[in-house]
Every structure is written in C-alpha cells, then in structure tokens.
C-alpha cells in the first residue's frame, strides 16, 4: 500500500511532461540505488505491518468464532436438558394420573390376591410396561412364588416357585437388602446379581434391562415387583423407578390394611365366641342355682 501511495503522490506532485506514465514509474523505482532501497523498505515494512494486523485480526476473529461455537453448544445442551426435564415431568405426571385411577380399585379391594393382580394389570395395561411380575415370599418354605404375571405371551398367573437364596441373584438381594434396583445391563453386573439354575430358565425373569422393587411391610420385605420393556426395547428411566415405587408402596399399604381388617375380624369372632361362652356359663349357673334351691327347699 505504501509504495503505491507514494507512486501516486509523486505523479500528482512531480509530473514530468513529455514522459510516459510507465516510464516515470519505472525510472523512479529503479534509476538510483537509493530509490530501490527505499521501495524495498516500504514494501517490506508494509508486508510486516499488514501481516501483523492480519494475525491479530484473524486471532480475534477466531476467538469470537470459538466463543460463538461454545455458546451455541451450551445453548444446545441447555435445550436438551430442558427437553429431558419436560419429558420426565410429563411422563411422571402421566404415570401419577394413571396410578390414581388404579389406586381407587386397589383401595376398594379387601383381598390380597386381588390387590396383587390389580397392581400387575395396572403396570402392564395402564402404565405400559411390556412385562410386570409380582412375586411374594413364602416364609414357610423360604421360596418366592409368582402372585401375578402380565405380559406378552403370558396367560394368567405363573405357578413356578423359586428358592429364596443366592441362586435367585438380584431378586434375593432386593429382598434381603430391601433395595430398589434399576439394572441397565445385567451382563455388566457382578456374578452375584445373575440368576442361577433353576431360576435362570424361567422366561418371565429373563431380561437385560429391568427394575426390581421390594414390597416392604413393617420393615420386612414380603415380596417384589419386576418390570421391563423387553419387546419395545425402550430404556428404563428414573421416572419408571418412581412409578414402580408408588405401586410397591400402595401394595404395602393395602396389605397392611387387609391384615388389620383380618385381625379386627378375627378379634371380633373371638369376642363373639367369648360372649357366647359367657352366656352359656350364665345359663348353666342359673340352672345350678335353681337346682340348689330345689334341693334345699
């Protein structure tokens, strides 16, 4: 820029009449050694200045671009988190509404087996899990049995019983530890979580990604709920865990209510029996008094 500016300025101020334009320009540059050095200096200096300015301007532009990229990435992450939170809230709200609809039927029931059946139906038909199994503990035989099982190609209740020991793998740990488990991939879990024979041959229990939630009554695990999306291939989320917990808590409260009603009914029958015995003894006592009076008269 500087050499061109100087050439234009010289032609404007020191124009030589009768000399062609190109000849004036070339002679001014190459006629003397001083001119050649001066133009070389101006060219070199101009290149250095423009190069320096270009470097700093380019660096500043790149920094602005990088910041814009980071901001776009941050905005995208925030948008994804917002979408995930909204989806989780919507799923949870939908599950709670469906749960309240099922809860009405559960509260009306006074039969333990019906409560378990309604819970399995709700988890499968209303909430939408592919498979829902409710297993209860048989304290006398120390076994787990299927109280209700719902899912594709599953008709009615399964009568199979499982040993309640280490062979039951994660089912046994859920009962003994009273711990809710969200298993994302059972193949990546330690060996103690895997089902052992004969438990591993039961089709209803064969799954890779599933949820296990114990049913706890008075600090004692009396059963468990198992659900999965085996056929939809859908990943289980924390909202699904919350939904299963709600069902487990409802089953627990229903069992406690049924046990209380059974205890009240048993106590009522015992009291009736006691009152009947009192009436019987009163009649016998009256007969004895009458007989005694007749004997002494």
Protein backbone atom coordinates (compact mmCIF):
# COMPACT_ATOMS: atom_id res chain seq x y z
CA UNK A 1 0.00 0.00 0.00
CA UNK A 2 2.77 2.46 0.93
CA UNK A 3 4.73 2.11 -2.37
CA UNK A 4 1.56 2.53 -4.43
CA UNK A 5 0.57 5.55 -2.38
CA UNK A 6 3.99 7.11 -2.82
CA UNK A 7 3.94 6.48 -6.61
CA UNK A 8 0.51 8.12 -6.96
CA UNK A 9 1.55 11.06 -4.77
CA UNK A 10 4.79 11.59 -6.75
CA UNK A 11 2.95 11.54 -10.08
CA UNK A 12 0.49 14.13 -8.79
CA UNK A 13 3.17 16.48 -7.41
CA UNK A 14 6.13 15.90 -9.74
CA UNK A 15 4.63 15.04 -13.10
CA UNK A 16 7.18 15.16 -15.93
CA UNK A 17 5.71 16.50 -19.14
CA UNK A 18 6.61 14.56 -22.26
CA UNK A 19 7.48 11.36 -20.35
CA UNK A 20 5.11 8.35 -20.49
CA UNK A 21 3.46 7.24 -17.27
CA UNK A 22 5.06 3.79 -17.05
CA UNK A 23 8.50 5.19 -17.77
CA UNK A 24 8.14 7.70 -14.92
CA UNK A 25 7.08 4.93 -12.53
CA UNK A 26 9.83 2.51 -13.53
CA UNK A 27 12.55 5.14 -13.56
CA UNK A 28 11.52 6.39 -10.14
CA UNK A 29 11.85 2.87 -8.73
CA UNK A 30 14.98 1.58 -10.43
CA UNK A 31 17.04 4.63 -11.50
CA UNK A 32 19.05 5.01 -8.30
CA UNK A 33 20.16 2.59 -5.61
CA UNK A 34 18.58 4.85 -3.01
CA UNK A 35 15.19 4.52 -4.75
CA UNK A 36 15.47 0.76 -4.91
CA UNK A 37 16.29 0.52 -1.18
CA UNK A 38 13.52 2.96 -0.33
CA UNK A 39 10.88 0.99 -2.25
CA UNK A 40 12.20 -2.29 -0.84
CA UNK A 41 11.93 -0.85 2.66
CA UNK A 42 8.41 0.39 2.02
CA UNK A 43 7.34 -2.99 0.57
CA UNK A 44 8.90 -4.95 3.43
CA UNK A 45 7.52 -2.65 6.10
CA UNK A 46 4.08 -2.70 4.54
CA UNK A 47 4.07 -6.51 4.41
CA UNK A 48 5.17 -6.74 8.05
CA UNK A 49 2.55 -4.25 9.21
CA UNK A 50 -0.23 -5.88 7.18
CA UNK A 51 0.90 -9.33 8.30
CA UNK A 52 0.89 -8.28 11.96
CA UNK A 53 -2.51 -6.65 11.67
CA UNK A 54 -3.82 -9.68 9.79
CA UNK A 55 -2.53 -12.02 12.50
CA UNK A 56 -4.16 -10.09 15.35
CA UNK A 57 -7.38 -9.54 13.44
CA UNK A 58 -7.51 -13.23 12.49
CA UNK A 59 -6.83 -14.33 16.05
CA UNK A 60 -9.54 -12.03 17.40
CA UNK A 61 -11.96 -13.29 14.75
CA UNK A 62 -11.15 -16.91 15.62
CA UNK A 63 -11.66 -16.23 19.32
CA UNK A 64 -15.04 -14.66 18.59
CA UNK A 65 -15.92 -17.66 16.42
CA UNK A 66 -14.82 -20.12 19.13
CA UNK A 67 -16.87 -18.27 21.74
CA UNK A 68 -19.87 -18.32 19.44
CA UNK A 69 -19.43 -22.08 18.93
CA UNK A 70 -19.16 -22.68 22.68
CA UNK A 71 -22.23 -20.54 23.28
CA UNK A 72 -24.17 -22.46 20.63
CA UNK A 73 -23.07 -25.75 22.18
CA UNK A 74 -24.05 -24.55 25.65
CA UNK A 75 -27.44 -23.40 24.37
CA UNK A 76 -27.93 -26.78 22.72
CA UNK A 77 -27.07 -28.61 25.95
CA UNK A 78 -29.45 -26.38 27.92
CA UNK A 79 -32.18 -27.05 25.36
CA UNK A 80 -31.58 -30.81 25.57
CA UNK A 81 -31.71 -30.71 29.37
CA UNK A 82 -34.90 -28.67 29.24
CA UNK A 83 -36.43 -31.18 26.83
CA UNK A 84 -35.37 -34.11 29.04
CA UNK A 85 -36.75 -32.45 32.18
CA UNK A 86 -40.02 -31.64 30.43
CA UNK A 87 -40.28 -35.21 29.13
CA UNK A 88 -39.53 -36.61 32.56
CA UNK A 89 -42.12 -34.32 34.15
CA UNK A 90 -44.72 -35.26 31.53
CA UNK A 91 -44.04 -38.98 31.94
CA UNK A 92 -44.19 -38.73 35.72
CA UNK A 93 -47.39 -36.69 35.61
CA UNK A 94 -48.96 -39.21 33.24
CA UNK A 95 -47.90 -42.09 35.49
CA UNK A 96 -49.28 -40.39 38.60
CA UNK A 97 -52.64 -39.74 36.95
CA UNK A 98 -52.86 -43.35 35.82
CA UNK A 99 -51.77 -44.51 39.25
CA UNK A 100 -54.57 -42.57 40.94
CA UNK A 101 -57.07 -44.26 38.62
CA UNK A 102 -55.72 -47.67 39.62
CA UNK A 103 -55.45 -46.66 43.26
CA UNK A 104 -59.23 -46.36 43.51
CA UNK A 105 -59.66 -50.04 42.67
CA UNK A 106 -56.85 -51.06 45.00
CA UNK A 107 -58.36 -49.22 47.95
CA UNK A 108 -61.73 -50.89 47.45
CA UNK A 109 -60.26 -54.38 47.44
CA UNK A 110 -60.09 -56.40 50.65
CA UNK A 111 -58.48 -59.45 49.05
CA UNK A 112 -54.69 -59.68 48.99
CA UNK A 113 -54.53 -61.72 45.78
CA UNK A 114 -56.85 -59.28 44.03
CA UNK A 115 -54.62 -56.36 45.08
CA UNK A 116 -51.59 -58.09 43.57
CA UNK A 117 -53.50 -58.92 40.39
CA UNK A 118 -54.79 -55.35 40.00
CA UNK A 119 -51.26 -54.00 40.51
CA UNK A 120 -49.83 -56.25 37.80
CA UNK A 121 -52.69 -55.28 35.46
CA UNK A 122 -52.07 -51.59 36.13
CA UNK A 123 -48.33 -51.80 35.50
CA UNK A 124 -48.85 -53.69 32.24
CA UNK A 125 -52.11 -52.33 30.80
CA UNK A 126 -52.18 -48.74 32.11
CA UNK A 127 -48.56 -47.72 32.69
CA UNK A 128 -47.42 -49.67 29.63
CA UNK A 129 -44.59 -51.94 30.78
CA UNK A 130 -44.10 -54.92 28.48
CA UNK A 131 -43.94 -57.33 31.39
CA UNK A 132 -44.94 -56.97 35.04
CA UNK A 133 -44.31 -59.68 37.62
CA UNK A 134 -45.34 -59.65 41.27
CA UNK A 135 -43.53 -62.25 43.37
CA UNK A 136 -44.31 -62.89 47.03
CA UNK A 137 -42.30 -64.58 49.77
CA UNK A 138 -43.48 -67.87 51.25
CA UNK A 139 -41.99 -67.78 54.74
CA UNK A 140 -42.77 -71.44 55.49
CA UNK A 141 -40.87 -72.85 52.51
CA UNK A 142 -38.43 -69.91 52.11
CA UNK A 143 -39.39 -69.54 48.46
CA UNK A 144 -40.60 -66.90 46.02
CA UNK A 145 -43.77 -67.56 44.04
CA UNK A 146 -45.48 -65.66 41.21
CA UNK A 147 -48.56 -64.00 42.68
CA UNK A 148 -49.29 -62.30 39.33
CA UNK A 149 -47.56 -62.11 35.95
CA UNK A 150 -48.62 -59.99 33.00
CA UNK A 151 -47.03 -59.51 29.59
CA UNK A 152 -46.79 -60.73 26.04
CA UNK A 153 -47.45 -64.50 25.73
CA UNK A 154 -48.22 -64.71 29.46
CA UNK A 155 -51.68 -66.00 30.36
CA UNK A 156 -52.83 -65.91 33.96
CA UNK A 157 -50.60 -66.44 36.95
CA UNK A 158 -47.40 -68.44 36.91
CA UNK A 159 -47.22 -71.24 39.49
CA UNK A 160 -43.44 -71.60 39.38
CA UNK A 161 -41.59 -71.24 42.69
CA UNK A 162 -38.04 -70.01 43.19
CA UNK A 163 -35.60 -70.73 46.01
CA UNK A 164 -35.07 -67.63 48.14
CA UNK A 165 -31.29 -67.82 48.30
CA UNK A 166 -28.21 -66.80 46.31
CA UNK A 167 -29.49 -68.71 43.28
CA UNK A 168 -32.16 -66.04 42.85
CA UNK A 169 -29.43 -63.44 42.20
CA UNK A 170 -30.66 -59.85 42.19
CA UNK A 171 -34.13 -60.98 43.31
CA UNK A 172 -32.61 -62.35 46.51
CA UNK A 173 -30.54 -59.19 47.05
CA UNK A 174 -33.60 -56.98 46.56
CA UNK A 175 -35.46 -58.96 49.24
CA UNK A 176 -32.64 -59.18 51.77
CA UNK A 177 -31.35 -55.62 51.28
CA UNK A 178 -34.82 -54.09 50.72
CA UNK A 179 -33.21 -52.20 47.85
CA UNK A 180 -34.76 -50.84 44.65
CA UNK A 181 -32.67 -51.80 41.61
CA UNK A 182 -32.57 -50.26 38.13
CA UNK A 183 -30.48 -52.72 36.12
CA UNK A 184 -29.42 -51.12 32.82
CA UNK A 185 -27.47 -54.14 31.60
CA UNK A 186 -27.40 -57.32 33.68
CA UNK A 187 -24.45 -58.65 31.66
CA UNK A 188 -22.27 -55.88 33.13
CA UNK A 189 -23.27 -56.62 36.73
CA UNK A 190 -21.25 -58.81 39.13
CA UNK A 191 -21.94 -62.54 39.11
CA UNK A 192 -23.89 -62.39 42.37
CA UNK A 193 -26.64 -60.45 40.56
CA UNK A 194 -27.12 -63.16 37.91
CA UNK A 195 -29.81 -65.83 38.17
CA UNK A 196 -28.55 -69.35 38.75
CA UNK A 197 -30.26 -72.67 37.92
CA UNK A 198 -33.16 -73.30 38.22
CA UNK A 199 -34.11 -69.58 38.27
CA UNK A 200 -32.36 -68.71 35.01
CA UNK A 201 -34.66 -70.96 32.95
CA UNK A 202 -37.87 -69.04 33.73
CA UNK A 203 -38.87 -66.94 30.67
CA UNK A 204 -40.61 -64.23 32.73
CA UNK A 205 -37.34 -63.46 34.51
CA UNK A 206 -35.04 -63.38 31.51
CA UNK A 207 -34.32 -59.72 30.79
CA UNK A 208 -31.37 -57.40 30.23
CA UNK A 209 -32.77 -54.05 31.38
CA UNK A 210 -35.32 -54.13 34.21
CA UNK A 211 -36.49 -52.69 37.53
CA UNK A 212 -36.86 -54.61 40.78
CA UNK A 213 -38.66 -53.01 43.73
CA UNK A 214 -39.27 -54.82 47.05
CA UNK A 215 -42.67 -54.71 48.75
CA UNK A 216 -41.94 -53.79 52.37
CA UNK A 217 -44.49 -54.26 55.16
CA UNK A 218 -43.44 -53.25 58.69
CA UNK A 219 -39.74 -53.17 57.74
CA UNK A 220 -39.91 -56.66 56.24
CA UNK A 221 -39.76 -57.44 52.52
CA UNK A 222 -42.75 -59.66 51.78
CA UNK A 223 -42.40 -59.63 48.00
CA UNK A 224 -41.16 -57.70 44.99
CA UNK A 225 -42.23 -56.15 41.70
CA UNK A 226 -40.30 -56.67 38.47
CA UNK A 227 -40.96 -54.76 35.22
CA UNK A 228 -39.21 -54.28 31.88
CA UNK A 229 -39.56 -53.15 28.25
CA UNK A 230 -38.29 -56.37 26.75
CA UNK A 231 -40.22 -56.09 23.48
CA UNK A 232 -40.34 -52.33 22.96
CA UNK A 233 -36.57 -52.14 23.54
CA UNK A 234 -37.20 -48.93 25.45
CA UNK A 235 -34.70 -47.80 28.07
CA UNK A 236 -36.00 -47.64 31.62
CA UNK A 237 -35.67 -44.24 33.32
CA UNK A 238 -35.76 -42.86 36.85
CA UNK A 239 -39.40 -41.89 36.29
CA UNK A 240 -40.18 -45.57 35.77
CA UNK A 241 -38.49 -46.34 39.09
CA UNK A 242 -40.67 -43.72 40.80
CA UNK A 243 -43.78 -45.27 39.24
CA UNK A 244 -42.90 -48.77 40.41
CA UNK A 245 -42.16 -47.41 43.90
CA UNK A 246 -45.65 -45.90 44.01
CA UNK A 247 -47.17 -49.29 43.20
CA UNK A 248 -44.99 -51.06 45.76
CA UNK A 249 -45.98 -48.55 48.45
CA UNK A 250 -49.65 -48.92 47.54
CA UNK A 251 -49.43 -52.71 47.69
CA UNK A 252 -47.70 -52.42 51.06
CA UNK A 253 -50.39 -50.14 52.50
CA UNK A 254 -53.15 -52.35 51.06
CA UNK A 255 -51.61 -55.46 52.61
CA UNK A 256 -51.32 -53.68 55.96
CA UNK A 257 -54.95 -52.58 55.70
CA UNK A 258 -56.09 -56.10 54.78
CA UNK A 259 -54.03 -57.58 57.63
CA UNK A 260 -55.59 -55.07 60.02
CA UNK A 261 -59.09 -55.91 58.78
CA UNK A 262 -58.32 -59.62 59.15
CA UNK A 263 -57.04 -59.01 62.68
CA UNK A 264 -60.15 -56.98 63.55
CA UNK A 265 -62.37 -59.69 62.07
CA UNK A 266 -60.51 -62.37 64.00
CA UNK A 267 -60.78 -60.35 67.20
CA UNK A 268 -64.49 -59.79 66.58
CA UNK A 269 -65.06 -63.52 66.12
CA UNK A 270 -63.09 -64.24 69.27
CA UNK A 271 -65.11 -61.71 71.23
CA UNK A 272 -68.34 -63.19 69.91
CA UNK A 273 -67.15 -66.63 70.95
CA UNK A 274 -66.23 -65.29 74.40
CA UNK A 275 -69.63 -63.63 74.83
CA UNK A 276 -71.37 -66.83 73.75
CA UNK A 277 -69.34 -68.74 76.30
CA UNK A 278 -70.31 -66.19 78.97
CA UNK A 279 -73.99 -66.61 78.06
CA UNK A 280 -73.61 -70.37 78.19
CA UNK A 281 -71.92 -70.19 81.59
CA UNK A 282 -74.64 -67.82 82.82
CA UNK A 283 -77.38 -70.22 81.78
CA UNK A 284 -75.55 -73.12 83.43
CA UNK A 285 -75.05 -71.02 86.57
CA UNK A 286 -78.76 -70.18 86.64
CA UNK A 287 -79.66 -73.86 86.30
CA UNK A 288 -77.27 -74.75 89.13
CA UNK A 289 -78.80 -72.08 91.39
CA UNK A 290 -82.28 -73.35 90.60
CA UNK A 291 -81.26 -76.94 91.31
CA UNK A 292 -79.61 -75.89 94.58
CA UNK A 293 -82.72 -74.03 95.73
CA UNK A 294 -84.91 -77.01 94.91
CA UNK A 295 -82.57 -79.32 96.80
CA UNK A 296 -82.57 -77.17 99.94
CA UNK A 297 -86.28 -76.44 99.99
